[in-house]
Protein backbone atom coordinates (compact mmCIF):
# COMPACT_ATOMS: atom_id res chain seq x y z
CA MET A 1 0.00 0.00 0.00
CA LYS A 2 1.19 3.51 -0.68
CA TYR A 3 0.53 6.40 1.68
CA THR A 4 1.62 9.96 0.92
CA LEU A 5 2.59 12.11 3.87
CA LEU A 6 0.16 14.80 2.68
CA GLN A 7 -2.65 12.25 2.65
CA LEU A 8 -1.72 11.07 6.15
CA LYS A 9 -1.80 14.62 7.56
CA LYS A 10 -5.45 14.84 6.47
CA THR A 11 -6.35 11.37 7.77
CA LYS A 12 -7.16 10.40 11.32
CA LEU A 13 -4.65 7.82 12.53
CA PRO A 14 -4.47 4.93 13.25
CA LEU A 15 -5.57 3.90 9.79
CA THR A 16 -6.51 0.28 9.03
CA VAL A 17 -6.57 -0.99 5.45
CA ASP A 18 -7.33 -4.43 3.96
CA GLU A 19 -5.49 -4.85 0.68
CA THR A 20 -4.53 -7.61 -1.75
CA PHE A 21 -1.20 -7.82 -3.55
CA ASP A 22 -0.03 -9.92 -6.47
CA PHE A 23 3.65 -10.77 -5.95
CA LYS A 24 3.88 -13.30 -8.85
CA GLU A 25 6.27 -11.15 -10.84
CA GLU A 26 8.63 -10.51 -7.92
CA LEU A 27 8.57 -14.13 -6.71
CA ASN A 28 9.14 -15.49 -10.23
CA GLY A 29 12.92 -15.16 -9.88
CA PHE A 30 13.18 -17.62 -6.99
CA GLU A 31 13.78 -21.12 -8.34
CA ASP A 32 12.08 -22.98 -5.47
CA ILE A 33 8.88 -20.89 -5.71
CA LEU A 34 6.80 -22.38 -8.50
CA ASP A 35 3.68 -20.25 -8.03
CA SER A 36 2.05 -17.81 -5.65
CA GLY A 37 -1.50 -16.78 -4.92
CA ILE A 38 -2.82 -13.36 -4.06
CA ALA A 39 -1.48 -11.99 -0.77
CA ASN A 40 -4.13 -10.78 1.67
CA VAL A 41 -2.72 -8.03 3.86
CA LYS A 42 -4.31 -6.14 6.72
CA GLU A 43 -2.25 -3.05 7.58
CA THR A 44 -2.58 -0.65 10.46
CA LEU A 45 -0.63 2.59 10.22
CA GLU A 46 0.13 4.63 13.36
CA GLN A 47 2.21 7.73 13.95
CA HIS A 48 4.52 8.11 16.94
CA GLY A 49 6.23 11.47 16.64
CA ASP A 50 8.41 11.39 13.51
CA ILE A 51 8.02 7.63 13.16
CA TYR A 52 5.26 5.93 11.18
CA LEU A 53 4.63 2.40 12.38
CA VAL A 54 2.98 -0.13 10.06
CA LYS A 55 1.67 -3.35 11.57
CA ALA A 56 0.68 -5.95 8.99
CA HIS A 57 -0.87 -9.39 8.93
CA ILE A 58 0.15 -11.25 5.77
CA ASN A 59 -1.46 -14.39 4.33
CA ILE A 60 -0.30 -15.86 1.02
CA SER A 61 -0.38 -19.33 -0.53
CA LEU A 62 2.81 -20.45 -2.23
CA THR A 63 3.61 -23.50 -4.30
CA LEU A 64 7.16 -24.55 -3.50
CA GLU A 65 9.37 -27.27 -4.93
CA SER A 66 10.20 -30.35 -2.89
CA CYS A 67 13.92 -30.55 -2.23
CA ILE A 68 13.77 -34.35 -2.62
CA SER A 69 11.43 -35.14 -5.52
CA LEU A 70 11.07 -31.67 -7.12
CA LYS A 71 7.27 -32.09 -6.91
CA LYS A 72 4.90 -29.26 -6.02
CA VAL A 73 4.37 -28.62 -2.30
CA PRO A 74 1.67 -26.21 -1.12
CA TYR A 75 2.75 -23.85 1.66
CA VAL A 76 0.93 -20.97 3.37
CA VAL A 77 2.75 -17.98 4.82
CA ASP A 78 0.56 -16.55 7.58
CA THR A 79 2.51 -14.06 9.66
CA ASP A 80 2.50 -10.72 11.44
CA ALA A 81 5.08 -8.05 10.71
CA GLN A 82 5.96 -4.57 11.87
CA PHE A 83 7.82 -1.87 9.95
CA GLU A 84 9.00 1.59 10.99
CA TYR A 85 9.23 4.44 8.50
CA ILE A 86 11.02 7.73 9.12
CA SER A 87 11.38 10.85 7.01
CA SER A 88 15.12 11.41 7.34
CA ALA A 89 18.10 9.17 6.63
CA GLU A 90 19.97 10.77 9.54
CA GLN A 91 17.43 9.33 11.97
CA SER A 92 17.80 5.81 10.54
CA GLU A 93 21.53 5.41 11.15
CA ASN A 94 20.99 3.59 14.44
CA SER A 95 17.72 1.80 13.66
CA ASP A 96 16.14 -0.62 11.23
CA ALA A 97 13.63 1.98 10.11
CA ILE A 98 12.91 2.46 6.43
CA VAL A 99 13.50 5.95 5.06
CA ILE A 100 10.44 7.55 3.43
CA GLU A 101 11.34 8.47 -0.15
CA ASN A 102 9.58 11.15 -2.20
CA GLY A 103 7.09 11.78 0.60
CA THR A 104 5.48 8.35 0.13
CA ILE A 105 5.38 5.30 2.39
CA ASP A 106 5.33 2.21 0.14
CA THR A 107 4.95 -1.05 2.07
CA ARG A 108 5.15 -3.42 -0.93
CA GLU A 109 8.89 -4.12 -0.71
CA ALA A 110 8.79 -4.63 3.06
CA LEU A 111 5.87 -7.07 2.68
CA LEU A 112 7.72 -9.03 0.00
CA THR A 113 10.81 -9.24 2.22
CA GLU A 114 8.69 -10.52 5.09
CA ILE A 115 7.15 -13.22 2.87
CA LEU A 116 10.60 -14.39 1.75
CA CYS A 117 11.92 -14.41 5.32
CA ASN A 118 9.01 -16.61 6.42
CA LYS A 119 9.32 -19.07 3.52
CA PRO A 120 11.15 -22.24 4.58
CA MET A 121 14.54 -22.93 3.02
CA THR A 122 13.56 -26.50 2.14
CA VAL A 123 10.25 -28.33 1.93
CA TYR A 124 9.21 -31.85 1.06
CA LEU A 125 5.99 -33.82 0.75
CA ASP A 126 4.80 -35.94 3.67
CA GLY A 127 6.33 -39.39 3.46
CA GLU A 128 9.26 -38.35 1.31
CA GLU A 129 12.66 -39.36 2.59
CA PHE A 130 16.10 -38.74 1.24
CA GLU A 131 17.71 -41.99 0.11
CA ASP A 132 21.44 -42.17 -0.18
CA ASP A 133 22.42 -44.27 -3.21
CA ILE A 134 25.99 -44.80 -2.09
CA GLU A 135 26.55 -47.83 0.09
CA GLU A 136 29.13 -47.34 2.76
CA ASP A 137 31.89 -49.91 2.70
CA ASP A 138 33.56 -50.51 6.04
CA ASP A 139 36.32 -52.65 4.55
CA ASP A 140 39.74 -51.13 4.36
CA LYS A 141 40.14 -51.78 0.65
CA ILE A 142 42.98 -49.97 -0.99
CA ASN A 143 42.57 -48.45 -4.40
CA PRO A 144 44.88 -50.32 -6.77
CA ALA A 145 46.33 -47.03 -8.02
CA PHE A 146 47.64 -46.36 -4.51
CA SER A 147 48.66 -49.89 -3.53
CA SER A 148 52.36 -49.06 -3.58
CA LEU A 149 51.77 -46.26 -1.10
CA ALA A 150 50.02 -48.56 1.40
CA ASP A 151 53.38 -49.88 2.60
CA LEU A 152 54.50 -46.36 3.54
CA LEU A 153 51.77 -46.07 6.15
CA LYS A 154 52.86 -49.25 7.99
């Protein structure tokens, strides 16, 4: 959602907005994300002095790729997030606040970052297990190419 500072001065805060976002284009570049649904976001914007605080509840369905079989795995990101926005870069030097650019608070990038941070690194379907094809051999067999070196170790 985008909020201009001029608009916010005329609006009674806190302001609550229900919005939907389509992040398909942004999420397309991640190889383990096969598809994404529409993100449902409920944002509440508050002002505390020079700081604008955005509290958001994010719900989005993703289709991820199984790390074992490469099959589709449905996954839902359902999380709460909080972002601080400030008007001056000098104020942000010692905080994680996002600097307001061009007089507009744009929460889209922060929401996308939150979705990616809450996506698991690996997923797999129920019942899938990783099977190691290599059998371990406990015998102390010596590779024939190194057989002449075996006597050096004795």
